[in-house]
Amino acid sequence: MGRADVAASIGSVGDALDNALMESTIGLYKTELIKPQRPWRTLSEVEPATAEWADWYNHRRLHGEIGHVPPAEYEASYYLTATKHLVTVTT
């Protein structure tokens, strides 16, 4: 334990960037889904709404930082481009 009796993070170096991205996503989730639709009465209401939001966020929501395309489309394009040079066609 540290001087303030606080345990150090168990993450690895560089996790601060991952944490910032996750905190940003959680903030959007709360702003776009959780807060506008309150009050949530049961977990069985929140779970399917969360799954629908995550699907929309990844497959239909346009993200300005990645060229105004959904993350799933951006990722597919990235891997297609990154692996294109690995394919060799011989006749």
Protein backbone atom coordinates (compact mmCIF):
# COMPACT_ATOMS: atom_id res chain seq x y z
CA MET A 1 0.00 0.00 0.00
CA GLY A 2 1.06 3.57 -0.68
CA ARG A 3 1.39 6.45 1.74
CA ALA A 4 -2.35 7.07 1.60
CA ASP A 5 -3.15 3.36 1.97
CA VAL A 6 -4.30 3.21 -1.63
CA ALA A 7 -3.36 0.18 -3.70
CA ALA A 8 -1.54 0.83 -6.96
CA SER A 9 -3.26 0.11 -10.25
CA ILE A 10 -2.93 -3.48 -11.42
CA GLY A 11 -2.94 -2.39 -15.06
CA SER A 12 0.08 -2.32 -17.30
CA VAL A 13 1.90 0.70 -18.70
CA GLY A 14 -0.23 2.53 -21.25
CA ASP A 15 -3.55 1.60 -19.69
CA ALA A 16 -4.36 5.26 -19.05
CA LEU A 17 -5.22 5.63 -22.72
CA ASP A 18 -7.45 2.57 -22.61
CA ASN A 19 -9.10 3.90 -19.46
CA ALA A 20 -9.74 7.29 -21.06
CA LEU A 21 -11.40 5.67 -24.06
CA MET A 22 -13.54 3.46 -21.83
CA GLU A 23 -14.51 6.38 -19.59
CA SER A 24 -15.49 8.40 -22.67
CA THR A 25 -17.63 5.52 -23.99
CA ILE A 26 -19.28 5.03 -20.61
CA GLY A 27 -20.04 8.76 -20.51
CA LEU A 28 -21.71 8.57 -23.94
CA TYR A 29 -23.65 5.47 -22.86
CA LYS A 30 -24.98 7.24 -19.80
CA THR A 31 -25.77 10.44 -21.71
CA GLU A 32 -27.39 8.79 -24.72
CA LEU A 33 -29.22 5.88 -23.10
CA ILE A 34 -29.31 5.66 -19.33
CA LYS A 35 -30.16 9.23 -18.25
CA PRO A 36 -32.77 10.07 -20.93
CA GLN A 37 -34.80 6.91 -20.30
CA ARG A 38 -34.93 6.91 -16.52
CA PRO A 39 -36.28 5.65 -14.31
CA TRP A 40 -35.05 2.14 -15.00
CA ARG A 41 -36.99 -0.21 -12.77
CA THR A 42 -35.23 -3.53 -13.32
CA LEU A 43 -32.03 -4.97 -14.71
CA SER A 44 -34.14 -6.83 -17.27
CA GLU A 45 -35.05 -3.42 -18.75
CA VAL A 46 -31.45 -2.18 -18.87
CA GLU A 47 -29.81 -5.28 -20.36
CA PRO A 48 -31.61 -5.42 -23.74
CA ALA A 49 -31.49 -1.61 -24.07
CA THR A 50 -27.73 -1.75 -23.49
CA ALA A 51 -27.30 -4.48 -26.12
CA GLU A 52 -29.30 -2.43 -28.63
CA TRP A 53 -27.28 0.72 -27.84
CA ALA A 54 -23.96 -1.14 -28.20
CA ASP A 55 -25.08 -2.57 -31.56
CA TRP A 56 -26.14 0.88 -32.77
CA TYR A 57 -22.93 2.48 -31.44
CA ASN A 58 -20.69 -0.04 -33.22
CA HIS A 59 -22.60 -0.57 -36.47
CA ARG A 60 -24.61 2.58 -37.28
CA ARG A 61 -23.37 5.58 -35.26
CA LEU A 62 -21.08 7.78 -37.34
CA HIS A 63 -17.84 8.76 -35.58
CA GLY A 64 -16.14 11.98 -36.66
CA GLU A 65 -12.69 10.95 -35.43
CA ILE A 66 -12.60 7.98 -37.80
CA GLY A 67 -13.95 9.55 -40.98
CA HIS A 68 -17.67 9.63 -40.15
CA VAL A 69 -18.09 5.86 -40.37
CA PRO A 70 -19.23 3.36 -37.73
CA PRO A 71 -16.45 1.61 -35.75
CA ALA A 72 -17.25 -1.83 -37.21
CA GLU A 73 -16.88 -0.48 -40.76
CA TYR A 74 -13.64 1.32 -39.87
CA GLU A 75 -12.19 -1.81 -38.27
CA ALA A 76 -13.14 -4.02 -41.24
CA SER A 77 -11.53 -1.53 -43.62
CA TYR A 78 -8.40 -1.36 -41.48
CA TYR A 79 -7.92 -5.13 -41.44
CA LEU A 80 -8.68 -5.42 -45.15
CA THR A 81 -6.00 -2.82 -45.89
CA ALA A 82 -3.52 -4.19 -43.34
CA THR A 83 -3.73 -7.74 -44.67
CA LYS A 84 -4.01 -6.94 -48.37
CA HIS A 85 -0.27 -7.25 -48.92
CA LEU A 86 -0.31 -10.73 -47.37
CA VAL A 87 -2.42 -12.18 -50.17
CA THR A 88 -0.44 -13.49 -53.12
CA VAL A 89 -2.12 -14.63 -56.30
CA THR A 90 -0.21 -17.07 -58.48
CA THR A 91 -1.25 -18.64 -61.77
